[in-house]
Protein backbone atom coordinates (compact mmCIF):
# COMPACT_ATOMS: atom_id res chain seq x y z
CA UNK A 1 0.00 0.00 0.00
CA UNK A 2 1.42 3.38 -1.04
CA UNK A 3 1.63 6.01 1.70
CA UNK A 4 -0.95 8.77 1.27
CA UNK A 5 1.43 11.66 1.89
CA UNK A 6 4.80 12.62 0.51
CA UNK A 7 7.54 15.18 0.46
CA UNK A 8 8.82 16.13 -2.98
CA UNK A 9 12.25 17.66 -3.39
CA UNK A 10 13.01 19.94 -6.32
CA UNK A 11 16.03 22.13 -6.94
CA UNK A 12 15.67 25.43 -8.79
CA UNK A 13 18.24 27.77 -10.34
CA UNK A 14 17.29 30.82 -8.24
CA UNK A 15 14.91 32.23 -5.64
CA UNK A 16 12.64 33.99 -8.15
CA UNK A 17 11.99 30.79 -10.05
CA UNK A 18 11.50 28.82 -6.81
CA UNK A 19 8.83 31.30 -5.66
CA UNK A 20 7.09 30.99 -9.04
CA UNK A 21 6.96 27.17 -8.86
CA UNK A 22 5.81 27.26 -5.21
CA UNK A 23 2.98 29.66 -6.02
CA UNK A 24 1.78 27.58 -8.98
CA UNK A 25 1.75 24.38 -6.87
CA UNK A 26 -0.19 26.06 -4.06
CA UNK A 27 -2.60 27.87 -6.40
CA UNK A 28 -3.39 24.65 -8.29
CA UNK A 29 -4.01 22.70 -5.06
CA UNK A 30 -1.11 20.33 -5.72
CA UNK A 31 0.72 21.13 -2.48
CA UNK A 32 -0.22 22.28 1.00
CA UNK A 33 3.12 23.90 1.73
CA UNK A 34 6.37 24.59 -0.10
CA UNK A 35 9.47 25.51 1.87
CA UNK A 36 12.12 27.43 -0.06
CA UNK A 37 15.66 26.78 1.17
CA UNK A 38 18.22 29.15 -0.35
CA UNK A 39 21.97 28.88 -0.59
CA UNK A 40 22.59 25.30 -1.68
CA UNK A 41 25.86 24.40 -3.31
CA UNK A 42 25.30 21.46 -5.63
CA UNK A 43 28.15 19.33 -6.95
CA UNK A 44 27.02 16.89 -9.60
CA UNK A 45 27.99 15.10 -12.78
CA UNK A 46 26.28 16.28 -15.97
CA UNK A 47 27.05 15.00 -19.46
CA UNK A 48 30.30 13.44 -18.28
CA UNK A 49 31.63 16.55 -16.51
CA UNK A 50 31.69 17.47 -12.83
CA UNK A 51 29.73 20.68 -12.26
CA UNK A 52 29.29 22.99 -9.28
CA UNK A 53 26.39 25.39 -8.96
CA UNK A 54 24.24 27.37 -6.56
CA UNK A 55 20.60 26.29 -6.29
CA UNK A 56 17.47 26.75 -4.20
CA UNK A 57 15.70 23.70 -2.75
CA UNK A 58 11.93 23.30 -2.67
CA UNK A 59 10.52 21.01 0.02
CA UNK A 60 6.97 20.29 -1.12
CA UNK A 61 4.33 18.67 1.13
CA UNK A 62 1.55 16.93 -0.75
CA UNK A 63 -0.51 13.80 -1.26
CA UNK A 64 0.62 10.78 -3.27
CA UNK A 65 -2.42 11.04 -5.54
CA UNK A 66 -1.27 14.55 -6.57
CA UNK A 67 2.18 13.38 -7.65
CA UNK A 68 1.59 12.81 -11.38
CA UNK A 69 0.07 16.30 -11.88
CA UNK A 70 2.68 17.88 -9.61
CA UNK A 71 5.52 16.27 -11.58
CA UNK A 72 3.97 17.31 -14.88
CA UNK A 73 3.51 20.90 -13.66
CA UNK A 74 7.08 21.23 -12.42
CA UNK A 75 8.46 19.65 -15.60
CA UNK A 76 6.46 21.99 -17.84
CA UNK A 77 7.65 25.11 -15.99
CA UNK A 78 11.23 24.17 -15.13
CA UNK A 79 14.17 25.57 -17.08
CA UNK A 80 16.42 22.55 -16.44
CA UNK A 81 16.67 19.90 -19.13
CA UNK A 82 16.50 17.29 -16.34
CA UNK A 83 14.92 18.75 -13.18
CA UNK A 84 15.35 16.98 -9.87
CA UNK A 85 11.91 15.76 -8.78
CA UNK A 86 12.16 13.18 -6.01
CA UNK A 87 9.29 11.91 -3.88
CA UNK A 88 9.85 10.65 -0.34
CA UNK A 89 6.92 8.96 1.44
CA UNK A 90 5.73 10.33 4.77
CA UNK A 91 5.33 7.24 6.93
CA UNK A 92 3.99 9.01 10.02
CA UNK A 93 2.86 12.52 10.88
CA UNK A 94 0.72 14.55 13.25
CA UNK A 95 -2.86 13.69 12.26
CA UNK A 96 -4.04 17.28 12.30
CA UNK A 97 -1.12 18.27 10.01
CA UNK A 98 -1.93 15.45 7.59
CA UNK A 99 -5.60 16.50 7.68
CA UNK A 100 -4.45 20.01 6.76
CA UNK A 101 -2.58 18.61 3.73
CA UNK A 102 -5.81 16.87 2.74
CA UNK A 103 -7.78 20.12 3.05
CA UNK A 104 -5.27 22.11 1.00
CA UNK A 105 -4.99 19.55 -1.79
CA UNK A 106 -8.69 19.03 -2.30
CA UNK A 107 -9.30 15.67 -0.66
PDB file of N, CA and C in Angstrom:
ATOM      1  N   UNK A   1       0.836  -1.185   0.000  1.00  0.00           N
ATOM      2  CA  UNK A   1       0.000   0.000   0.000  1.00  0.00           C
ATOM      3  C   UNK A   1       0.881   1.250   0.000  1.00  0.00           C
ATOM      4  N   UNK A   2       0.653   2.147  -0.921  1.00  0.00           N
ATOM      5  CA  UNK A   2       1.421   3.377  -1.038  1.00  0.00           C
ATOM      6  C   UNK A   2       1.002   4.358   0.048  1.00  0.00           C
ATOM      7  N   UNK A   3       1.993   4.990   0.708  1.00  0.00           N
ATOM      8  CA  UNK A   3       1.631   6.014   1.699  1.00  0.00           C
ATOM      9  C   UNK A   3       0.833   7.135   1.040  1.00  0.00           C
ATOM     10  N   UNK A   4      -0.076   7.715   1.803  1.00  0.00           N
ATOM     11  CA  UNK A   4      -0.949   8.767   1.266  1.00  0.00           C
ATOM     12  C   UNK A   4      -0.243  10.102   1.082  1.00  0.00           C
ATOM     13  N   UNK A   5       0.796  10.347   1.870  1.00  0.00           N
ATOM     14  CA  UNK A   5       1.429  11.660   1.894  1.00  0.00           C
ATOM     15  C   UNK A   5       2.888  11.541   1.475  1.00  0.00           C
ATOM     16  N   UNK A   6       3.416  12.651   0.967  1.00  0.00           N
ATOM     17  CA  UNK A   6       4.796  12.617   0.507  1.00  0.00           C
ATOM     18  C   UNK A   6       5.432  13.994   0.586  1.00  0.00           C
ATOM     19  N   UNK A   7       6.738  13.978   0.596  1.00  0.00           N
ATOM     20  CA  UNK A   7       7.539  15.184   0.457  1.00  0.00           C
ATOM     21  C   UNK A   7       8.233  15.064  -0.890  1.00  0.00           C
ATOM     22  N   UNK A   8       8.158  16.114  -1.690  1.00  0.00           N
ATOM     23  CA  UNK A   8       8.815  16.130  -2.985  1.00  0.00           C
ATOM     24  C   UNK A   8       9.920  17.166  -2.911  1.00  0.00           C
ATOM     25  N   UNK A   9      11.100  16.765  -3.356  1.00  0.00           N
ATOM     26  CA  UNK A   9      12.252  17.657  -3.389  1.00  0.00           C
ATOM     27  C   UNK A   9      12.476  18.106  -4.825  1.00  0.00           C
ATOM     28  N   UNK A  10      12.732  19.390  -4.994  1.00  0.00           N
ATOM     29  CA  UNK A  10      13.005  19.939  -6.319  1.00  0.00           C
ATOM     30  C   UNK A  10      14.002  21.071  -6.169  1.00  0.00           C
ATOM     31  N   UNK A  11      15.071  21.035  -6.961  1.00  0.00           N
ATOM     32  CA  UNK A  11      16.027  22.133  -6.942  1.00  0.00           C
ATOM     33  C   UNK A  11      15.735  23.087  -8.091  1.00  0.00           C
ATOM     34  N   UNK A  12      15.944  24.366  -7.826  1.00  0.00           N
ATOM     35  CA  UNK A  12      15.672  25.430  -8.793  1.00  0.00           C
ATOM     36  C   UNK A  12      16.927  26.290  -8.957  1.00  0.00           C
ATOM     37  N   UNK A  13      17.039  26.983 -10.091  1.00  0.00           N
ATOM     38  CA  UNK A  13      18.243  27.770 -10.342  1.00  0.00           C
ATOM     39  C   UNK A  13      18.366  29.033  -9.489  1.00  0.00           C
ATOM     40  N   UNK A  14      17.221  29.581  -9.024  1.00  0.00           N
ATOM     41  CA  UNK A  14      17.289  30.820  -8.242  1.00  0.00           C
ATOM     42  C   UNK A  14      16.000  31.003  -7.435  1.00  0.00           C
ATOM     43  N   UNK A  15      16.032  31.991  -6.543  1.00  0.00           N
ATOM     44  CA  UNK A  15      14.906  32.232  -5.640  1.00  0.00           C
ATOM     45  C   UNK A  15      13.650  32.650  -6.400  1.00  0.00           C
ATOM     46  N   UNK A  16      13.801  33.508  -7.384  1.00  0.00           N
ATOM     47  CA  UNK A  16      12.640  33.985  -8.147  1.00  0.00           C
ATOM     48  C   UNK A  16      11.897  32.832  -8.808  1.00  0.00           C
ATOM     49  N   UNK A  17      12.633  31.933  -9.414  1.00  0.00           N
ATOM     50  CA  UNK A  17      11.993  30.791 -10.050  1.00  0.00           C
ATOM     51  C   UNK A  17      11.354  29.871  -9.009  1.00  0.00           C
ATOM     52  N   UNK A  18      12.038  29.670  -7.875  1.00  0.00           N
ATOM     53  CA  UNK A  18      11.499  28.818  -6.807  1.00  0.00           C
ATOM     54  C   UNK A  18      10.162  29.364  -6.298  1.00  0.00           C
ATOM     55  N   UNK A  19      10.075  30.670  -6.110  1.00  0.00           N
ATOM     56  CA  UNK A  19       8.827  31.303  -5.662  1.00  0.00           C
ATOM     57  C   UNK A  19       7.729  31.088  -6.707  1.00  0.00           C
ATOM     58  N   UNK A  20       8.073  31.205  -7.967  1.00  0.00           N
ATOM     59  CA  UNK A  20       7.087  30.990  -9.036  1.00  0.00           C
ATOM     60  C   UNK A  20       6.531  29.561  -8.984  1.00  0.00           C
ATOM     61  N   UNK A  21       7.404  28.577  -8.925  1.00  0.00           N
ATOM     62  CA  UNK A  21       6.963  27.168  -8.859  1.00  0.00           C
ATOM     63  C   UNK A  21       6.111  26.952  -7.610  1.00  0.00           C
ATOM     64  N   UNK A  22       6.561  27.445  -6.466  1.00  0.00           N
ATOM     65  CA  UNK A  22       5.812  27.261  -5.213  1.00  0.00           C
ATOM     66  C   UNK A  22       4.414  27.839  -5.332  1.00  0.00           C
ATOM     67  N   UNK A  23       4.291  29.031  -5.879  1.00  0.00           N
ATOM     68  CA  UNK A  23       2.980  29.658  -6.025  1.00  0.00           C
ATOM     69  C   UNK A  23       2.065  28.868  -6.955  1.00  0.00           C
ATOM     70  N   UNK A  24       2.595  28.377  -8.053  1.00  0.00           N
ATOM     71  CA  UNK A  24       1.776  27.577  -8.976  1.00  0.00           C
ATOM     72  C   UNK A  24       1.281  26.309  -8.278  1.00  0.00           C
ATOM     73  N   UNK A  25       2.153  25.624  -7.555  1.00  0.00           N
ATOM     74  CA  UNK A  25       1.748  24.383  -6.875  1.00  0.00           C
ATOM     75  C   UNK A  25       0.685  24.631  -5.822  1.00  0.00           C
ATOM     76  N   UNK A  26       0.815  25.717  -5.074  1.00  0.00           N
ATOM     77  CA  UNK A  26      -0.185  26.060  -4.057  1.00  0.00           C
ATOM     78  C   UNK A  26      -1.488  26.485  -4.727  1.00  0.00           C
ATOM     79  N   UNK A  27      -1.401  27.359  -5.726  1.00  0.00           N
ATOM     80  CA  UNK A  27      -2.599  27.867  -6.402  1.00  0.00           C
ATOM     81  C   UNK A  27      -3.395  26.760  -7.091  1.00  0.00           C
ATOM     82  N   UNK A  28      -2.707  25.750  -7.606  1.00  0.00           N
ATOM     83  CA  UNK A  28      -3.391  24.652  -8.290  1.00  0.00           C
ATOM     84  C   UNK A  28      -3.816  23.530  -7.340  1.00  0.00           C
ATOM     85  N   UNK A  29      -3.601  23.700  -6.036  1.00  0.00           N
ATOM     86  CA  UNK A  29      -4.011  22.700  -5.056  1.00  0.00           C
ATOM     87  C   UNK A  29      -3.197  21.414  -5.117  1.00  0.00           C
ATOM     88  N   UNK A  30      -1.967  21.511  -5.607  1.00  0.00           N
ATOM     89  CA  UNK A  30      -1.108  20.327  -5.720  1.00  0.00           C
ATOM     90  C   UNK A  30      -0.213  20.152  -4.504  1.00  0.00           C
ATOM     91  N   UNK A  31      -0.114  21.183  -3.683  1.00  0.00           N
ATOM     92  CA  UNK A  31       0.720  21.135  -2.480  1.00  0.00           C
ATOM     93  C   UNK A  31       0.060  21.953  -1.387  1.00  0.00           C
ATOM     94  N   UNK A  32       0.290  21.529  -0.153  1.00  0.00           N
ATOM     95  CA  UNK A  32      -0.218  22.276   0.997  1.00  0.00           C
ATOM     96  C   UNK A  32       0.791  23.319   1.449  1.00  0.00           C
ATOM     97  N   UNK A  33       2.059  23.018   1.264  1.00  0.00           N
ATOM     98  CA  UNK A  33       3.124  23.902   1.726  1.00  0.00           C
ATOM     99  C   UNK A  33       4.365  23.646   0.885  1.00  0.00           C
ATOM    100  N   UNK A  34       5.080  24.707   0.574  1.00  0.00           N
ATOM    101  CA  UNK A  34       6.368  24.589  -0.103  1.00  0.00           C
ATOM    102  C   UNK A  34       7.375  25.440   0.660  1.00  0.00           C
ATOM    103  N   UNK A  35       8.383  24.797   1.220  1.00  0.00           N
ATOM    104  CA  UNK A  35       9.475  25.514   1.875  1.00  0.00           C
ATOM    105  C   UNK A  35      10.539  25.814   0.828  1.00  0.00           C
ATOM    106  N   UNK A  36      11.072  27.015   0.861  1.00  0.00           N
ATOM    107  CA  UNK A  36      12.123  27.432  -0.059  1.00  0.00           C
ATOM    108  C   UNK A  36      13.406  27.600   0.755  1.00  0.00           C
ATOM    109  N   UNK A  37      14.391  26.779   0.442  1.00  0.00           N
ATOM    110  CA  UNK A  37      15.657  26.777   1.173  1.00  0.00           C
ATOM    111  C   UNK A  37      16.745  27.328   0.250  1.00  0.00           C
ATOM    112  N   UNK A  38      17.211  28.541   0.518  1.00  0.00           N
ATOM    113  CA  UNK A  38      18.222  29.151  -0.353  1.00  0.00           C
ATOM    114  C   UNK A  38      19.635  28.683  -0.009  1.00  0.00           C
ATOM    115  N   UNK A  39      20.554  29.010  -0.905  1.00  0.00           N
ATOM    116  CA  UNK A  39      21.967  28.876  -0.588  1.00  0.00           C
ATOM    117  C   UNK A  39      22.556  27.490  -0.693  1.00  0.00           C
ATOM    118  N   UNK A  40      22.001  26.627  -1.512  1.00  0.00           N
ATOM    119  CA  UNK A  40      22.589  25.299  -1.685  1.00  0.00           C
ATOM    120  C   UNK A  40      23.762  25.367  -2.649  1.00  0.00           C
ATOM    121  N   UNK A  41      24.796  24.634  -2.343  1.00  0.00           N
ATOM    122  CA  UNK A  41      25.859  24.400  -3.310  1.00  0.00           C
ATOM    123  C   UNK A  41      25.706  22.965  -3.776  1.00  0.00           C
ATOM    124  N   UNK A  42      25.488  22.792  -5.061  1.00  0.00           N
ATOM    125  CA  UNK A  42      25.302  21.461  -5.626  1.00  0.00           C
ATOM    126  C   UNK A  42      26.536  21.081  -6.434  1.00  0.00           C
ATOM    127  N   UNK A  43      27.052  19.895  -6.178  1.00  0.00           N
ATOM    128  CA  UNK A  43      28.152  19.332  -6.948  1.00  0.00           C
ATOM    129  C   UNK A  43      27.613  18.065  -7.575  1.00  0.00           C
ATOM    130  N   UNK A  44      27.668  17.986  -8.889  1.00  0.00           N
ATOM    131  CA  UNK A  44      27.022  16.891  -9.599  1.00  0.00           C
ATOM    132  C   UNK A  44      27.744  16.615 -10.916  1.00  0.00           C
ATOM    133  N   UNK A  45      27.446  15.458 -11.481  1.00  0.00           N
ATOM    134  CA  UNK A  45      27.987  15.102 -12.780  1.00  0.00           C
ATOM    135  C   UNK A  45      26.906  15.309 -13.822  1.00  0.00           C
ATOM    136  N   UNK A  46      27.233  16.032 -14.899  1.00  0.00           N
ATOM    137  CA  UNK A  46      26.279  16.282 -15.973  1.00  0.00           C
ATOM    138  C   UNK A  46      26.995  16.146 -17.304  1.00  0.00           C
ATOM    139  N   UNK A  47      26.497  15.255 -18.141  1.00  0.00           N
ATOM    140  CA  UNK A  47      27.049  15.000 -19.460  1.00  0.00           C
ATOM    141  C   UNK A  47      28.548  14.736 -19.400  1.00  0.00           C
ATOM    142  N   UNK A  48      28.920  13.894 -18.416  1.00  0.00           N
ATOM    143  CA  UNK A  48      30.297  13.439 -18.278  1.00  0.00           C
ATOM    144  C   UNK A  48      31.248  14.403 -17.593  1.00  0.00           C
ATOM    145  N   UNK A  49      30.771  15.567 -17.174  1.00  0.00           N
ATOM    146  CA  UNK A  49      31.626  16.551 -16.512  1.00  0.00           C
ATOM    147  C   UNK A  49      31.128  16.840 -15.105  1.00  0.00           C
ATOM    148  N   UNK A  50      32.054  17.048 -14.190  1.00  0.00           N
ATOM    149  CA  UNK A  50      31.687  17.466 -12.832  1.00  0.00           C
ATOM    150  C   UNK A  50      31.358  18.948 -12.870  1.00  0.00           C
ATOM    151  N   UNK A  51      30.215  19.302 -12.292  1.00  0.00           N
ATOM    152  CA  UNK A  51      29.730  20.680 -12.261  1.00  0.00           C
ATOM    153  C   UNK A  51      29.529  21.107 -10.810  1.00  0.00           C
ATOM    154  N   UNK A  52      29.599  22.397 -10.575  1.00  0.00           N
ATOM    155  CA  UNK A  52      29.286  22.988  -9.283  1.00  0.00           C
ATOM    156  C   UNK A  52      28.383  24.184  -9.539  1.00  0.00           C
ATOM    157  N   UNK A  53      27.307  24.279  -8.762  1.00  0.00           N
ATOM    158  CA  UNK A  53      26.393  25.393  -8.956  1.00  0.00           C
ATOM    159  C   UNK A  53      25.664  25.744  -7.676  1.00  0.00           C
ATOM    160  N   UNK A  54      25.062  26.916  -7.679  1.00  0.00           N
ATOM    161  CA  UNK A  54      24.235  27.370  -6.565  1.00  0.00           C
ATOM    162  C   UNK A  54      22.783  27.148  -6.949  1.00  0.00           C
ATOM    163  N   UNK A  55      22.009  26.579  -6.037  1.00  0.00           N
ATOM    164  CA  UNK A  55      20.601  26.294  -6.290  1.00  0.00           C
ATOM    165  C   UNK A  55      19.765  26.630  -5.069  1.00  0.00           C
ATOM    166  N   UNK A  56      18.465  26.555  -5.258  1.00  0.00           N
ATOM    167  CA  UNK A  56      17.475  26.750  -4.201  1.00  0.00           C
ATOM    168  C   UNK A  56      16.663  25.463  -4.136  1.00  0.00           C
ATOM    169  N   UNK A  57      16.430  24.954  -2.932  1.00  0.00           N
ATOM    170  CA  UNK A  57      15.696  23.702  -2.751  1.00  0.00           C
ATOM    171  C   UNK A  57      14.249  23.968  -2.377  1.00  0.00           C
ATOM    172  N   UNK A  58      13.338  23.305  -3.068  1.00  0.00           N
ATOM    173  CA  UNK A  58      11.932  23.304  -2.669  1.00  0.00           C
ATOM    174  C   UNK A  58      11.661  22.020  -1.910  1.00  0.00           C
ATOM    175  N   UNK A  59      11.006  22.148  -0.763  1.00  0.00           N
ATOM    176  CA  UNK A  59      10.518  21.007   0.017  1.00  0.00           C
ATOM    177  C   UNK A  59       9.003  21.111  -0.033  1.00  0.00           C
ATOM    178  N   UNK A  60       8.396  20.199  -0.787  1.00  0.00           N
ATOM    179  CA  UNK A  60       6.971  20.291  -1.118  1.00  0.00           C
ATOM    180  C   UNK A  60       6.204  19.225  -0.339  1.00  0.00           C
ATOM    181  N   UNK A  61       5.175  19.626   0.409  1.00  0.00           N
ATOM    182  CA  UNK A  61       4.327  18.674   1.130  1.00  0.00           C
ATOM    183  C   UNK A  61       3.024  18.480   0.376  1.00  0.00           C
ATOM    184  N   UNK A  62       2.704  17.208   0.089  1.00  0.00           N
ATOM    185  CA  UNK A  62       1.546  16.925  -0.747  1.00  0.00           C
ATOM    186  C   UNK A  62       1.014  15.529  -0.460  1.00  0.00           C
ATOM    187  N   UNK A  63       0.078  15.147  -1.309  1.00  0.00           N
ATOM    188  CA  UNK A  63      -0.514  13.805  -1.256  1.00  0.00           C
ATOM    189  C   UNK A  63       0.032  12.988  -2.419  1.00  0.00           C
ATOM    190  N   UNK A  64       0.122  11.683  -2.222  1.00  0.00           N
ATOM    191  CA  UNK A  64       0.618  10.784  -3.267  1.00  0.00           C
ATOM    192  C   UNK A  64      -0.234  10.847  -4.520  1.00  0.00           C
ATOM    193  N   UNK A  65      -1.552  11.020  -4.358  1.00  0.00           N
ATOM    194  CA  UNK A  65      -2.419  11.044  -5.544  1.00  0.00           C
ATOM    195  C   UNK A  65      -2.294  12.345  -6.340  1.00  0.00           C
ATOM    196  N   UNK A  66      -1.547  13.311  -5.833  1.00  0.00           N
ATOM    197  CA  UNK A  66      -1.271  14.553  -6.574  1.00  0.00           C
ATOM    198  C   UNK A  66       0.037  14.467  -7.351  1.00  0.00           C
ATOM    199  N   UNK A  67       0.814  13.418  -7.121  1.00  0.00           N
ATOM    200  CA  UNK A  67       2.179  13.384  -7.649  1.00  0.00           C
ATOM    201  C   UNK A  67       2.259  13.525  -9.168  1.00  0.00           C
ATOM    202  N   UNK A  68       1.474  12.785  -9.909  1.00  0.00           N
ATOM    203  CA  UNK A  68       1.585  12.813 -11.375  1.00  0.00           C
ATOM    204  C   UNK A  68       1.369  14.229 -11.914  1.00  0.00           C
ATOM    205  N   UNK A  69       0.335  14.919 -11.430  1.00  0.00           N
ATOM    206  CA  UNK A  69       0.070  16.297 -11.880  1.00  0.00           C
ATOM    207  C   UNK A  69       1.152  17.259 -11.390  1.00  0.00           C
ATOM    208  N   UNK A  70       1.633  17.045 -10.170  1.00  0.00           N
ATOM    209  CA  UNK A  70       2.681  17.881  -9.614  1.00  0.00           C
ATOM    210  C   UNK A  70       3.959  17.737 -10.441  1.00  0.00           C
ATOM    211  N   UNK A  71       4.337  16.510 -10.761  1.00  0.00           N
ATOM    212  CA  UNK A  71       5.523  16.270 -11.580  1.00  0.00           C
ATOM    213  C   UNK A  71       5.375  16.914 -12.956  1.00  0.00           C
ATOM    214  N   UNK A  72       4.224  16.739 -13.570  1.00  0.00           N
ATOM    215  CA  UNK A  72       3.968  17.308 -14.877  1.00  0.00           C
ATOM    216  C   UNK A  72       4.042  18.841 -14.839  1.00  0.00           C
ATOM    217  N   UNK A  73       3.493  19.439 -13.803  1.00  0.00           N
ATOM    218  CA  UNK A  73       3.508  20.896 -13.661  1.00  0.00           C
ATOM    219  C   UNK A  73       4.935  21.415 -13.501  1.00  0.00           C
ATOM    220  N   UNK A  74       5.699  20.794 -12.612  1.00  0.00           N
ATOM    221  CA  UNK A  74       7.083  21.231 -12.418  1.00  0.00           C
ATOM    222  C   UNK A  74       7.871  21.060 -13.722  1.00  0.00           C
ATOM    223  N   UNK A  75       7.727  19.927 -14.359  1.00  0.00           N
ATOM    224  CA  UNK A  75       8.465  19.654 -15.600  1.00  0.00           C
ATOM    225  C   UNK A  75       8.132  20.681 -16.678  1.00  0.00           C
ATOM    226  N   UNK A  76       6.860  21.049 -16.790  1.00  0.00           N
ATOM    227  CA  UNK A  76       6.461  21.992 -17.837  1.00  0.00           C
ATOM    228  C   UNK A  76       6.970  23.404 -17.586  1.00  0.00           C
ATOM    229  N   UNK A  77       7.213  23.762 -16.329  1.00  0.00           N
ATOM    230  CA  UNK A  77       7.651  25.114 -15.987  1.00  0.00           C
ATOM    231  C   UNK A  77       9.163  25.245 -15.798  1.00  0.00           C
ATOM    232  N   UNK A  78       9.819  24.147 -15.561  1.00  0.00           N
ATOM    233  CA  UNK A  78      11.225  24.167 -15.129  1.00  0.00           C
ATOM    234  C   UNK A  78      12.184  24.440 -16.274  1.00  0.00           C
ATOM    235  N   UNK A  79      13.206  25.280 -16.027  1.00  0.00           N
ATOM    236  CA  UNK A  79      14.175  25.570 -17.084  1.00  0.00           C
ATOM    237  C   UNK A  79      15.228  24.478 -17.287  1.00  0.00           C
ATOM    238  N   UNK A  80      15.395  23.592 -16.307  1.00  0.00           N
ATOM    239  CA  UNK A  80      16.417  22.551 -16.444  1.00  0.00           C
ATOM    240  C   UNK A  80      15.981  21.508 -17.453  1.00  0.00           C
ATOM    241  N   UNK A  81      16.926  21.000 -18.205  1.00  0.00           N
ATOM    242  CA  UNK A  81      16.665  19.896 -19.129  1.00  0.00           C
ATOM    243  C   UNK A  81      16.224  18.649 -18.358  1.00  0.00           C
ATOM    244  N   UNK A  82      16.819  18.433 -17.186  1.00  0.00           N
ATOM    245  CA  UNK A  82      16.496  17.288 -16.343  1.00  0.00           C
ATOM    246  C   UNK A  82      16.321  17.771 -14.904  1.00  0.00           C
ATOM    247  N   UNK A  83      15.114  18.237 -14.546  1.00  0.00           N
ATOM    248  CA  UNK A  83      14.922  18.748 -13.182  1.00  0.00           C
ATOM    249  C   UNK A  83      14.901  17.617 -12.155  1.00  0.00           C
ATOM    250  N   UNK A  84      15.430  17.915 -10.996  1.00  0.00           N
ATOM    251  CA  UNK A  84      15.345  16.981  -9.872  1.00  0.00           C
ATOM    252  C   UNK A  84      13.916  17.031  -9.344  1.00  0.00           C
ATOM    253  N   UNK A  85      13.238  15.894  -9.387  1.00  0.00           N
ATOM    254  CA  UNK A  85      11.911  15.759  -8.782  1.00  0.00           C
ATOM    255  C   UNK A  85      11.917  14.397  -8.106  1.00  0.00           C
ATOM    256  N   UNK A  86      12.033  14.409  -6.786  1.00  0.00           N
ATOM    257  CA  UNK A  86      12.158  13.177  -6.009  1.00  0.00           C
ATOM    258  C   UNK A  86      11.079  13.161  -4.938  1.00  0.00           C
ATOM    259  N   UNK A  87      10.346  12.066  -4.876  1.00  0.00           N
ATOM    260  CA  UNK A  87       9.286  11.912  -3.879  1.00  0.00           C
ATOM    261  C   UNK A  87       9.761  10.989  -2.753  1.00  0.00           C
ATOM    262  N   UNK A  88       9.513  11.431  -1.524  1.00  0.00           N
ATOM    263  CA  UNK A  88       9.846  10.648  -0.339  1.00  0.00           C
ATOM    264  C   UNK A  88       8.547  10.435   0.442  1.00  0.00           C
ATOM    265  N   UNK A  89       8.184   9.190   0.722  1.00  0.00           N
ATOM    266  CA  UNK A  89       6.924   8.964   1.438  1.00  0.00           C
ATOM    267  C   UNK A  89       6.985   9.448   2.888  1.00  0.00           C
ATOM    268  N   UNK A  90       5.872   9.980   3.353  1.00  0.00           N
ATOM    269  CA  UNK A  90       5.725  10.329   4.767  1.00  0.00           C
ATOM    270  C   UNK A  90       5.081   9.116   5.437  1.00  0.00           C
ATOM    271  N   UNK A  91       5.826   8.452   6.277  1.00  0.00           N
ATOM    272  CA  UNK A  91       5.326   7.238   6.935  1.00  0.00           C
ATOM    273  C   UNK A  91       4.416   7.553   8.112  1.00  0.00           C
ATOM    274  N   UNK A  92       4.749   8.615   8.838  1.00  0.00           N
ATOM    275  CA  UNK A  92       3.988   9.012  10.024  1.00  0.00           C
ATOM    276  C   UNK A  92       3.970  10.534  10.093  1.00  0.00           C
ATOM    277  N   UNK A  93       2.934  11.081  10.696  1.00  0.00           N
ATOM    278  CA  UNK A  93       2.856  12.523  10.882  1.00  0.00           C
ATOM    279  C   UNK A  93       1.716  12.871  11.821  1.00  0.00           C
ATOM    280  N   UNK A  94       1.773  14.057  12.387  1.00  0.00           N
ATOM    281  CA  UNK A  94       0.717  14.549  13.250  1.00  0.00           C
ATOM    282  C   UNK A  94      -0.598  14.532  12.475  1.00  0.00           C
ATOM    283  N   UNK A  95      -1.612  13.858  12.987  1.00  0.00           N
ATOM    284  CA  UNK A  95      -2.864  13.688  12.258  1.00  0.00           C
ATOM    285  C   UNK A  95      -3.460  15.020  11.816  1.00  0.00           C
ATOM    286  N   UNK A  96      -3.442  16.005  12.681  1.00  0.00           N
ATOM    287  CA  UNK A  96      -4.038  17.285  12.299  1.00  0.00           C
ATOM    288  C   UNK A  96      -3.238  17.953  11.168  1.00  0.00           C
ATOM    289  N   UNK A  97      -1.935  17.736  11.108  1.00  0.00           N
ATOM    290  CA  UNK A  97      -1.124  18.274  10.012  1.00  0.00           C
ATOM    291  C   UNK A  97      -1.452  17.545   8.715  1.00  0.00           C
ATOM    292  N   UNK A  98      -1.576  16.229   8.781  1.00  0.00           N
ATOM    293  CA  UNK A  98      -1.927  15.446   7.594  1.00  0.00           C
ATOM    294  C   UNK A  98      -3.334  15.796   7.109  1.00  0.00           C
ATOM    295  N   UNK A  99      -4.242  16.046   8.043  1.00  0.00           N
ATOM    296  CA  UNK A  99      -5.597  16.499   7.675  1.00  0.00           C
ATOM    297  C   UNK A  99      -5.525  17.841   6.947  1.00  0.00           C
ATOM    298  N   UNK A 100      -4.626  18.714   7.410  1.00  0.00           N
ATOM    299  CA  UNK A 100      -4.448  20.010   6.764  1.00  0.00           C
ATOM    300  C   UNK A 100      -3.951  19.840   5.320  1.00  0.00           C
ATOM    301  N   UNK A 101      -3.028  18.900   5.108  1.00  0.00           N
ATOM    302  CA  UNK A 101      -2.579  18.607   3.735  1.00  0.00           C
ATOM    303  C   UNK A 101      -3.768  18.174   2.896  1.00  0.00           C
ATOM    304  N   UNK A 102      -4.613  17.302   3.460  1.00  0.00           N
ATOM    305  CA  UNK A 102      -5.814  16.868   2.743  1.00  0.00           C
ATOM    306  C   UNK A 102      -6.683  18.076   2.352  1.00  0.00           C
ATOM    307  N   UNK A 103      -6.918  18.955   3.301  1.00  0.00           N
ATOM    308  CA  UNK A 103      -7.779  20.120   3.047  1.00  0.00           C
ATOM    309  C   UNK A 103      -7.209  21.034   1.969  1.00  0.00           C
ATOM    310  N   UNK A 104      -5.907  21.198   1.961  1.00  0.00           N
ATOM    311  CA  UNK A 104      -5.270  22.107   0.997  1.00  0.00           C
ATOM    312  C   UNK A 104      -5.153  21.517  -0.400  1.00  0.00           C
ATOM    313  N   UNK A 105      -5.177  20.191  -0.497  1.00  0.00           N
ATOM    314  CA  UNK A 105      -4.995  19.545  -1.794  1.00  0.00           C
ATOM    315  C   UNK A 105      -6.295  18.949  -2.327  1.00  0.00           C
ATOM    316  N   UNK A 106      -7.389  19.363  -1.744  1.00  0.00           N
ATOM    317  CA  UNK A 106      -8.692  19.028  -2.297  1.00  0.00           C
ATOM    318  C   UNK A 106      -9.250  17.665  -1.992  1.00  0.00           C
ATOM    319  N   UNK A 107      -8.707  16.977  -0.991  1.00  0.00           N
ATOM    320  CA  UNK A 107      -9.300  15.671  -0.660  1.00  0.00           C
ATOM    321  C   UNK A 107     -10.538  15.878   0.170  1.00  0.00           C
TER     322      UNK A 107
END
